[in-house]
Amino acid sequence: MVEQTFALLHQFKRLAVRWERRTELHDAFVSLACSLICWRRLKKHSHARATSS
């Protein structure tokens, strides 16, 4: 589970290589990436559910 999460987050190059010196910016990008990952999964799940009905 942890490895899968890191793999998903490393799709975002800015998170794979940390450029920001300020931890607040890095934390903000991690939060944004997590939100995008969740949104994509929910979108995929709702689309699959709508087409199966």
PDB file of N, CA and C in Angstrom:
ATOM      1  N   MET A   1       0.824  -1.192   0.000  1.00  0.00           N
ATOM      2  CA  MET A   1       0.000   0.000   0.000  1.00  0.00           C
ATOM      3  C   MET A   1       0.872   1.261   0.000  1.00  0.00           C
ATOM      4  N   VAL A   2       1.905   1.256   0.813  1.00  0.00           N
ATOM      5  CA  VAL A   2       2.783   2.432   0.897  1.00  0.00           C
ATOM      6  C   VAL A   2       3.533   2.633  -0.415  1.00  0.00           C
ATOM      7  N   GLU A   3       4.048   1.562  -0.984  1.00  0.00           N
ATOM      8  CA  GLU A   3       4.783   1.656  -2.242  1.00  0.00           C
ATOM      9  C   GLU A   3       3.878   2.159  -3.363  1.00  0.00           C
ATOM     10  N   GLN A   4       2.641   1.714  -3.372  1.00  0.00           N
ATOM     11  CA  GLN A   4       1.688   2.156  -4.389  1.00  0.00           C
ATOM     12  C   GLN A   4       1.412   3.653  -4.244  1.00  0.00           C
ATOM     13  N   THR A   5       1.287   4.105  -3.015  1.00  0.00           N
ATOM     14  CA  THR A   5       1.045   5.528  -2.772  1.00  0.00           C
ATOM     15  C   THR A   5       2.233   6.363  -3.240  1.00  0.00           C
ATOM     16  N   PHE A   6       3.451   5.925  -2.929  1.00  0.00           N
ATOM     17  CA  PHE A   6       4.632   6.650  -3.392  1.00  0.00           C
ATOM     18  C   PHE A   6       4.699   6.649  -4.915  1.00  0.00           C
ATOM     19  N   ALA A   7       4.362   5.551  -5.539  1.00  0.00           N
ATOM     20  CA  ALA A   7       4.376   5.483  -7.000  1.00  0.00           C
ATOM     21  C   ALA A   7       3.381   6.471  -7.598  1.00  0.00           C
ATOM     22  N   LEU A   8       2.220   6.577  -6.995  1.00  0.00           N
ATOM     23  CA  LEU A   8       1.231   7.550  -7.484  1.00  0.00           C
ATOM     24  C   LEU A   8       1.727   8.979  -7.314  1.00  0.00           C
ATOM     25  N   LEU A   9       2.327   9.267  -6.172  1.00  0.00           N
ATOM     26  CA  LEU A   9       2.816  10.622  -5.923  1.00  0.00           C
ATOM     27  C   LEU A   9       4.007  10.971  -6.807  1.00  0.00           C
ATOM     28  N   HIS A  10       4.816   9.987  -7.181  1.00  0.00           N
ATOM     29  CA  HIS A  10       5.989  10.263  -7.996  1.00  0.00           C
ATOM     30  C   HIS A  10       5.645  10.479  -9.457  1.00  0.00           C
ATOM     31  N   GLN A  11       4.367  10.327  -9.820  1.00  0.00           N
ATOM     32  CA  GLN A  11       3.940  10.710 -11.165  1.00  0.00           C
ATOM     33  C   GLN A  11       4.031  12.222 -11.331  1.00  0.00           C
ATOM     34  N   PHE A  12       3.989  12.920 -10.210  1.00  0.00           N
ATOM     35  CA  PHE A  12       4.122  14.371 -10.212  1.00  0.00           C
ATOM     36  C   PHE A  12       5.604  14.685 -10.019  1.00  0.00           C
ATOM     37  N   LYS A  13       6.255  15.129 -11.093  1.00  0.00           N
ATOM     38  CA  LYS A  13       7.707  15.308 -11.067  1.00  0.00           C
ATOM     39  C   LYS A  13       8.153  16.245  -9.953  1.00  0.00           C
ATOM     40  N   ARG A  14       7.366  17.242  -9.686  1.00  0.00           N
ATOM     41  CA  ARG A  14       7.747  18.209  -8.660  1.00  0.00           C
ATOM     42  C   ARG A  14       7.846  17.557  -7.288  1.00  0.00           C
ATOM     43  N   LEU A  15       7.124  16.467  -7.075  1.00  0.00           N
ATOM     44  CA  LEU A  15       7.205  15.762  -5.802  1.00  0.00           C
ATOM     45  C   LEU A  15       8.302  14.707  -5.815  1.00  0.00           C
ATOM     46  N   ALA A  16       8.604  14.166  -6.985  1.00  0.00           N
ATOM     47  CA  ALA A  16       9.649  13.152  -7.071  1.00  0.00           C
ATOM     48  C   ALA A  16      11.015  13.744  -6.747  1.00  0.00           C
ATOM     49  N   VAL A  17      11.220  14.977  -7.219  1.00  0.00           N
ATOM     50  CA  VAL A  17      12.454  15.707  -6.914  1.00  0.00           C
ATOM     51  C   VAL A  17      12.029  16.971  -6.184  1.00  0.00           C
ATOM     52  N   ARG A  18      12.395  17.074  -4.952  1.00  0.00           N
ATOM     53  CA  ARG A  18      11.937  18.204  -4.146  1.00  0.00           C
ATOM     54  C   ARG A  18      12.762  19.445  -4.462  1.00  0.00           C
ATOM     55  N   TRP A  19      12.101  20.426  -5.077  1.00  0.00           N
ATOM     56  CA  TRP A  19      12.762  21.669  -5.452  1.00  0.00           C
ATOM     57  C   TRP A  19      12.559  22.748  -4.401  1.00  0.00           C
ATOM     58  N   GLU A  20      11.429  22.708  -3.715  1.00  0.00           N
ATOM     59  CA  GLU A  20      11.100  23.773  -2.775  1.00  0.00           C
ATOM     60  C   GLU A  20      11.943  23.669  -1.513  1.00  0.00           C
ATOM     61  N   ARG A  21      12.420  24.789  -1.069  1.00  0.00           N
ATOM     62  CA  ARG A  21      13.151  24.823   0.195  1.00  0.00           C
ATOM     63  C   ARG A  21      12.184  24.914   1.366  1.00  0.00           C
ATOM     64  N   ARG A  22      11.057  25.541   1.135  1.00  0.00           N
ATOM     65  CA  ARG A  22      10.077  25.729   2.214  1.00  0.00           C
ATOM     66  C   ARG A  22       9.172  24.507   2.312  1.00  0.00           C
ATOM     67  N   THR A  23       9.044  23.983   3.512  1.00  0.00           N
ATOM     68  CA  THR A  23       8.233  22.780   3.704  1.00  0.00           C
ATOM     69  C   THR A  23       6.756  23.050   3.462  1.00  0.00           C
ATOM     70  N   GLU A  24       6.312  24.296   3.693  1.00  0.00           N
ATOM     71  CA  GLU A  24       4.888  24.612   3.464  1.00  0.00           C
ATOM     72  C   GLU A  24       4.521  24.430   2.005  1.00  0.00           C
ATOM     73  N   LEU A  25       5.402  24.835   1.100  1.00  0.00           N
ATOM     74  CA  LEU A  25       5.124  24.671  -0.328  1.00  0.00           C
ATOM     75  C   LEU A  25       5.105  23.199  -0.719  1.00  0.00           C
ATOM     76  N   HIS A  26       6.057  22.453  -0.208  1.00  0.00           N
ATOM     77  CA  HIS A  26       6.098  21.025  -0.509  1.00  0.00           C
ATOM     78  C   HIS A  26       4.840  20.338   0.026  1.00  0.00           C
ATOM     79  N   ASP A  27       4.451  20.669   1.241  1.00  0.00           N
ATOM     80  CA  ASP A  27       3.234  20.094   1.817  1.00  0.00           C
ATOM     81  C   ASP A  27       2.002  20.461   1.000  1.00  0.00           C
ATOM     82  N   ALA A  28       1.967  21.681   0.491  1.00  0.00           N
ATOM     83  CA  ALA A  28       0.833  22.112  -0.336  1.00  0.00           C
ATOM     84  C   ALA A  28       0.773  21.306  -1.632  1.00  0.00           C
ATOM     85  N   PHE A  29       1.933  21.062  -2.247  1.00  0.00           N
ATOM     86  CA  PHE A  29       1.950  20.266  -3.480  1.00  0.00           C
ATOM     87  C   PHE A  29       1.587  18.804  -3.215  1.00  0.00           C
ATOM     88  N   VAL A  30       1.984  18.285  -2.076  1.00  0.00           N
ATOM     89  CA  VAL A  30       1.587  16.919  -1.716  1.00  0.00           C
ATOM     90  C   VAL A  30       0.070  16.848  -1.538  1.00  0.00           C
ATOM     91  N   SER A  31      -0.500  17.832  -0.866  1.00  0.00           N
ATOM     92  CA  SER A  31      -1.956  17.868  -0.681  1.00  0.00           C
ATOM     93  C   SER A  31      -2.674  17.981  -2.017  1.00  0.00           C
ATOM     94  N   LEU A  32      -2.165  18.822  -2.885  1.00  0.00           N
ATOM     95  CA  LEU A  32      -2.767  18.977  -4.211  1.00  0.00           C
ATOM     96  C   LEU A  32      -2.683  17.678  -5.001  1.00  0.00           C
ATOM     97  N   ALA A  33      -1.542  17.020  -4.957  1.00  0.00           N
ATOM     98  CA  ALA A  33      -1.374  15.752  -5.668  1.00  0.00           C
ATOM     99  C   ALA A  33      -2.334  14.696  -5.124  1.00  0.00           C
ATOM    100  N   CYS A  34      -2.461  14.614  -3.812  1.00  0.00           N
ATOM    101  CA  CYS A  34      -3.395  13.649  -3.216  1.00  0.00           C
ATOM    102  C   CYS A  34      -4.828  13.939  -3.636  1.00  0.00           C
ATOM    103  N   SER A  35      -5.175  15.220  -3.678  1.00  0.00           N
ATOM    104  CA  SER A  35      -6.523  15.597  -4.114  1.00  0.00           C
ATOM    105  C   SER A  35      -6.762  15.195  -5.562  1.00  0.00           C
ATOM    106  N   LEU A  36      -5.775  15.431  -6.420  1.00  0.00           N
ATOM    107  CA  LEU A  36      -5.921  15.050  -7.830  1.00  0.00           C
ATOM    108  C   LEU A  36      -6.033  13.539  -7.999  1.00  0.00           C
ATOM    109  N   ILE A  37      -5.249  12.793  -7.237  1.00  0.00           N
ATOM    110  CA  ILE A  37      -5.303  11.328  -7.311  1.00  0.00           C
ATOM    111  C   ILE A  37      -6.685  10.838  -6.894  1.00  0.00           C
ATOM    112  N   CYS A  38      -7.197  11.368  -5.796  1.00  0.00           N
ATOM    113  CA  CYS A  38      -8.532  10.967  -5.320  1.00  0.00           C
ATOM    114  C   CYS A  38      -9.609  11.358  -6.328  1.00  0.00           C
ATOM    115  N   TRP A  39      -9.517  12.568  -6.865  1.00  0.00           N
ATOM    116  CA  TRP A  39     -10.514  13.030  -7.833  1.00  0.00           C
ATOM    117  C   TRP A  39     -10.520  12.144  -9.076  1.00  0.00           C
ATOM    118  N   ARG A  40      -9.329  11.778  -9.570  1.00  0.00           N
ATOM    119  CA  ARG A  40      -9.248  10.901 -10.745  1.00  0.00           C
ATOM    120  C   ARG A  40      -9.842   9.526 -10.466  1.00  0.00           C
ATOM    121  N   ARG A  41      -9.566   9.003  -9.287  1.00  0.00           N
ATOM    122  CA  ARG A  41     -10.120   7.685  -8.945  1.00  0.00           C
ATOM    123  C   ARG A  41     -11.640   7.742  -8.809  1.00  0.00           C
ATOM    124  N   LEU A  42     -12.161   8.784  -8.163  1.00  0.00           N
ATOM    125  CA  LEU A  42     -13.603   8.929  -8.028  1.00  0.00           C
ATOM    126  C   LEU A  42     -14.262   9.119  -9.392  1.00  0.00           C
ATOM    127  N   LYS A  43     -13.629   9.904 -10.250  1.00  0.00           N
ATOM    128  CA  LYS A  43     -14.150  10.139 -11.596  1.00  0.00           C
ATOM    129  C   LYS A  43     -14.188   8.827 -12.383  1.00  0.00           C
ATOM    130  N   LYS A  44     -13.115   8.055 -12.280  1.00  0.00           N
ATOM    131  CA  LYS A  44     -13.036   6.766 -12.968  1.00  0.00           C
ATOM    132  C   LYS A  44     -14.095   5.800 -12.430  1.00  0.00           C
ATOM    133  N   HIS A  45     -14.246   5.777 -11.104  1.00  0.00           N
ATOM    134  CA  HIS A  45     -15.210   4.886 -10.465  1.00  0.00           C
ATOM    135  C   HIS A  45     -16.647   5.278 -10.830  1.00  0.00           C
ATOM    136  N   SER A  46     -16.946   6.564 -10.815  1.00  0.00           N
ATOM    137  CA  SER A  46     -18.317   7.001 -11.127  1.00  0.00           C
ATOM    138  C   SER A  46     -18.625   6.782 -12.607  1.00  0.00           C
ATOM    139  N   HIS A  47     -17.637   6.923 -13.474  1.00  0.00           N
ATOM    140  CA  HIS A  47     -17.849   6.677 -14.899  1.00  0.00           C
ATOM    141  C   HIS A  47     -18.106   5.193 -15.157  1.00  0.00           C
ATOM    142  N   ALA A  48     -17.344   4.333 -14.505  1.00  0.00           N
ATOM    143  CA  ALA A  48     -17.532   2.887 -14.664  1.00  0.00           C
ATOM    144  C   ALA A  48     -18.899   2.461 -14.119  1.00  0.00           C
ATOM    145  N   ARG A  49     -19.288   3.084 -13.035  1.00  0.00           N
ATOM    146  CA  ARG A  49     -20.585   2.771 -12.428  1.00  0.00           C
ATOM    147  C   ARG A  49     -21.739   3.228 -13.314  1.00  0.00           C
ATOM    148  N   ALA A  50     -21.591   4.401 -13.946  1.00  0.00           N
ATOM    149  CA  ALA A  50     -22.640   4.934 -14.808  1.00  0.00           C
ATOM    150  C   ALA A  50     -22.800   4.103 -16.072  1.00  0.00           C
ATOM    151  N   THR A  51     -21.706   3.595 -16.618  1.00  0.00           N
ATOM    152  CA  THR A  51     -21.787   2.819 -17.853  1.00  0.00           C
ATOM    153  C   THR A  51     -22.288   1.398 -17.594  1.00  0.00           C
ATOM    154  N   SER A  52     -22.130   0.893 -16.375  1.00  0.00           N
ATOM    155  CA  SER A  52     -22.579  -0.466 -16.086  1.00  0.00           C
ATOM    156  C   SER A  52     -24.073  -0.527 -15.775  1.00  0.00           C
ATOM    157  N   SER A  53     -24.674   0.626 -15.490  1.00  0.00           N
ATOM    158  CA  SER A  53     -26.107   0.652 -15.149  1.00  0.00           C
ATOM    159  C   SER A  53     -26.995   0.615 -16.358  1.00  0.00           C
TER     160      SER A  53
END
